[in-house]
Protein backbone atom coordinates (compact mmCIF):
# COMPACT_ATOMS: atom_id res chain seq x y z
CA MET A 1 -14.82 0.33 -3.50
CA SER A 2 -12.87 -0.69 -6.58
CA VAL A 3 -13.26 -4.00 -8.43
CA TYR A 4 -9.74 -4.90 -7.36
CA SER A 5 -10.77 -4.56 -3.72
CA VAL A 6 -13.79 -6.84 -4.20
CA ASP A 7 -11.60 -9.46 -5.90
CA LYS A 8 -9.17 -9.35 -2.97
CA LEU A 9 -12.03 -9.70 -0.47
CA ILE A 10 -13.53 -12.64 -2.36
CA SER A 11 -10.11 -14.30 -2.47
CA GLU A 12 -9.80 -13.93 1.30
CA ALA A 13 -13.39 -15.16 1.79
CA ARG A 14 -12.51 -18.31 -0.21
CA ARG A 15 -9.51 -18.96 2.01
CA ILE A 16 -11.40 -18.43 5.26
CA ALA A 17 -14.41 -20.50 4.16
CA ALA A 18 -12.16 -23.41 3.10
CA GLU A 19 -10.20 -23.29 6.37
CA TYR A 20 -13.43 -23.15 8.38
CA ARG A 21 -14.86 -26.18 6.53
CA ARG A 22 -11.65 -28.16 7.09
CA ALA A 23 -11.57 -27.24 10.79
CA THR A 24 -15.26 -27.78 11.61
CA GLY A 25 -16.66 -29.96 8.84
CA LYS A 26 -19.34 -27.31 8.30
CA SER A 27 -19.67 -24.48 5.82
CA LEU A 28 -20.05 -20.82 6.66
CA GLY A 29 -23.70 -19.99 5.91
CA GLY A 30 -24.24 -18.00 2.72
CA ILE A 31 -20.60 -17.62 1.74
CA SER A 32 -20.71 -20.05 -1.19
CA GLY A 33 -23.58 -18.06 -2.73
CA GLU A 34 -21.70 -14.77 -2.47
CA ILE A 35 -18.55 -16.29 -3.97
CA ALA A 36 -20.59 -17.98 -6.74
CA GLU A 37 -22.26 -14.69 -7.68
CA ASN A 38 -18.90 -12.94 -7.92
CA ASP A 39 -17.40 -15.76 -10.02
CA ALA A 40 -20.41 -15.98 -12.35
CA ALA A 41 -20.38 -12.21 -12.92
CA ARG A 42 -16.64 -12.18 -13.64
CA LEU A 43 -16.46 -15.33 -15.78
CA LEU A 44 -19.73 -14.97 -17.72
CA ASP A 45 -19.86 -11.19 -18.23
CA LEU A 46 -22.85 -10.52 -15.96
CA GLU A 47 -23.74 -7.44 -13.97
CA LEU A 48 -24.87 -8.19 -10.42
CA CYS A 49 -28.01 -6.35 -9.37
CA SER A 50 -27.28 -3.94 -6.54
CA GLU A 51 -30.92 -4.10 -5.47
CA ARG A 52 -32.28 -7.61 -5.79
CA PRO A 53 -35.64 -7.55 -7.56
CA GLY A 54 -36.49 -10.99 -6.15
CA GLY A 55 -36.28 -13.43 -9.04
CA TYR A 56 -32.79 -12.87 -10.40
CA ASP A 57 -29.34 -11.89 -9.21
CA ALA A 58 -27.73 -10.53 -12.38
CA ILE A 59 -28.38 -9.10 -15.83
CA GLY A 60 -26.40 -10.47 -18.74
CA LYS A 61 -24.03 -8.43 -20.86
CA GLY A 62 -22.35 -9.50 -24.11
CA GLU A 63 -23.90 -12.71 -25.47
CA ARG A 64 -26.43 -12.78 -22.59
CA ALA A 65 -27.35 -9.08 -22.92
CA GLY A 66 -30.53 -8.21 -21.06
CA ARG A 67 -31.17 -11.73 -19.74
CA LYS A 68 -32.25 -12.05 -16.10
CA ILE A 69 -30.20 -14.72 -14.37
CA GLN A 70 -30.53 -16.53 -11.03
CA ILE A 71 -27.15 -17.59 -9.67
CA LYS A 72 -26.65 -20.63 -7.45
CA GLY A 73 -23.44 -22.00 -6.00
CA ARG A 74 -22.47 -25.39 -4.63
CA VAL A 75 -19.25 -26.66 -3.12
CA LEU A 76 -18.68 -30.24 -4.26
CA VAL A 77 -17.51 -32.30 -1.34
CA GLU A 78 -15.09 -35.13 -2.12
CA GLY A 79 -16.72 -38.52 -1.80
CA LYS A 80 -20.36 -37.31 -1.90
CA LYS A 81 -22.62 -38.30 -4.80
CA LEU A 82 -24.01 -35.47 -6.94
CA SER A 83 -27.51 -36.91 -6.57
CA GLY A 84 -27.33 -36.30 -2.82
CA GLN A 85 -26.18 -32.70 -3.13
CA ARG A 86 -28.85 -30.09 -3.71
CA ILE A 87 -28.80 -26.58 -5.11
CA GLY A 88 -30.46 -23.69 -3.33
CA GLN A 89 -34.17 -23.18 -3.73
CA LEU A 90 -35.13 -21.85 -7.15
CA LYS A 91 -37.48 -18.87 -7.38
CA LEU A 92 -40.01 -20.55 -9.67
CA ASP A 93 -42.80 -17.99 -9.33
CA GLN A 94 -40.66 -14.95 -10.08
CA GLU A 95 -39.22 -13.35 -13.22
CA TRP A 96 -35.97 -14.80 -14.66
CA ASP A 97 -34.65 -16.25 -17.93
CA SER A 98 -32.07 -18.81 -16.82
CA VAL A 99 -30.28 -20.26 -13.81
CA VAL A 100 -26.50 -20.46 -13.56
CA LEU A 101 -24.95 -23.02 -11.20
CA VAL A 102 -21.34 -22.43 -10.15
CA LEU A 103 -19.75 -25.67 -8.96
CA MET A 104 -16.75 -25.13 -6.69
CA ASN A 105 -14.07 -27.37 -5.24
CA GLU A 106 -13.36 -27.62 -1.51
CA ASP A 107 -11.22 -24.47 -1.75
CA TYR A 108 -14.24 -22.55 -3.09
CA GLU A 109 -12.63 -22.16 -6.52
CA PRO A 110 -14.96 -22.57 -9.51
CA VAL A 111 -14.47 -25.77 -11.52
CA GLU A 112 -17.57 -25.72 -13.74
CA ILE A 113 -20.47 -23.42 -14.49
CA HIS A 114 -23.72 -24.76 -15.96
CA GLU A 115 -26.70 -22.80 -17.28
CA ALA A 116 -30.30 -24.00 -17.66
CA GLU A 117 -33.04 -22.12 -19.48
CA ARG A 118 -36.28 -21.37 -17.67
CA ALA A 119 -38.30 -23.81 -19.81
CA ALA A 120 -35.95 -26.70 -18.97
CA VAL A 121 -36.05 -25.90 -15.24
CA MET A 122 -39.83 -25.61 -15.18
CA GLU A 123 -40.24 -28.90 -17.09
CA ALA A 124 -37.81 -30.70 -14.75
CA VAL A 125 -39.71 -29.43 -11.72
CA ALA A 126 -43.08 -30.42 -13.23
CA THR A 127 -41.92 -33.98 -13.99
CA ALA A 128 -39.95 -34.57 -10.78
CA ARG A 129 -40.72 -37.74 -8.82
CA ASP A 130 -40.71 -35.89 -5.50
CA ALA A 131 -43.44 -33.39 -6.30
CA LYS A 132 -43.55 -31.86 -2.80
CA ARG A 133 -39.84 -30.98 -2.82
CA SER A 134 -39.81 -29.82 -6.46
CA ARG A 135 -42.77 -27.47 -5.91
CA ARG A 136 -40.52 -25.60 -3.52
CA GLY A 137 -37.89 -25.29 -6.26
CA ALA A 138 -35.51 -27.91 -4.87
CA MET A 139 -33.30 -29.86 -7.28
CA SER A 140 -30.21 -32.06 -7.03
CA VAL A 141 -26.94 -30.99 -8.62
CA ALA A 142 -27.07 -34.13 -10.80
CA ARG A 143 -30.56 -33.25 -12.10
CA PHE A 144 -29.53 -29.66 -12.79
CA LYS A 145 -26.47 -30.82 -14.74
CA ALA A 146 -28.71 -33.14 -16.79
CA ILE A 147 -31.01 -30.29 -17.92
CA SER A 148 -28.33 -27.63 -18.40
CA HIS A 149 -25.29 -27.04 -20.56
CA GLN A 150 -21.79 -26.29 -19.37
CA VAL A 151 -20.86 -22.68 -20.12
CA TRP A 152 -17.52 -22.50 -18.29
CA PRO A 153 -14.90 -23.60 -18.87
CA SER A 154 -15.77 -23.63 -22.52
CA GLY A 155 -13.91 -25.64 -25.16
CA ASP A 156 -11.48 -22.80 -25.85
CA GLU A 157 -10.46 -22.53 -22.20
CA GLN A 158 -8.09 -24.83 -20.38
CA ALA A 159 -8.91 -28.47 -21.08
CA ASP A 160 -7.30 -29.70 -17.86
CA GLY A 161 -10.03 -28.05 -15.76
CA ALA A 162 -7.66 -25.57 -14.18
CA MET A 163 -9.06 -22.14 -13.65
CA PRO A 164 -7.57 -19.42 -15.85
CA ALA A 165 -5.54 -16.85 -13.94
CA ARG A 166 -7.60 -14.05 -12.45
CA SER A 167 -6.54 -10.49 -12.93
CA GLY A 168 -5.88 -8.42 -9.86
CA THR A 169 -5.43 -11.31 -7.43
CA GLN A 170 -2.37 -12.78 -5.89
CA ALA A 171 -1.61 -16.43 -5.26
CA ASP A 172 -1.64 -17.45 -1.60
């Protein structure tokens, strides 16, 4: 399957997931993670692992060459506080170098991507007030943003927060 075909499928998955959420108030299980992985790979120059070794989802290319990266995705729901929204469980006991969090709007389009180094994640987990939850690798979006740095959009990309045009996709 060509890259163009995957981009078209992800675009359609975004549309269906957004329509499903609007119709039912619930999200389609697992879809935000798949979309986030695709977006992170495309926007940050990562290569997704075809066989998942367990601790990471992608290997960096370019400026992240050789780095093992966990990818998490979260749809930000209008009106909900970031402190109440959680990211997926982090694989603390496995091999990885950093975690990338793709934050998406209600249409499953990326609006921000943040990256936290392993040391920062491990320190945040060790000093968390809710030790039981943090031992399992749970963390709020707000806490993750506090320990990470925004890597997309960067300062040289659109300042209005709009996503740059994607190649090979058509507008709905």
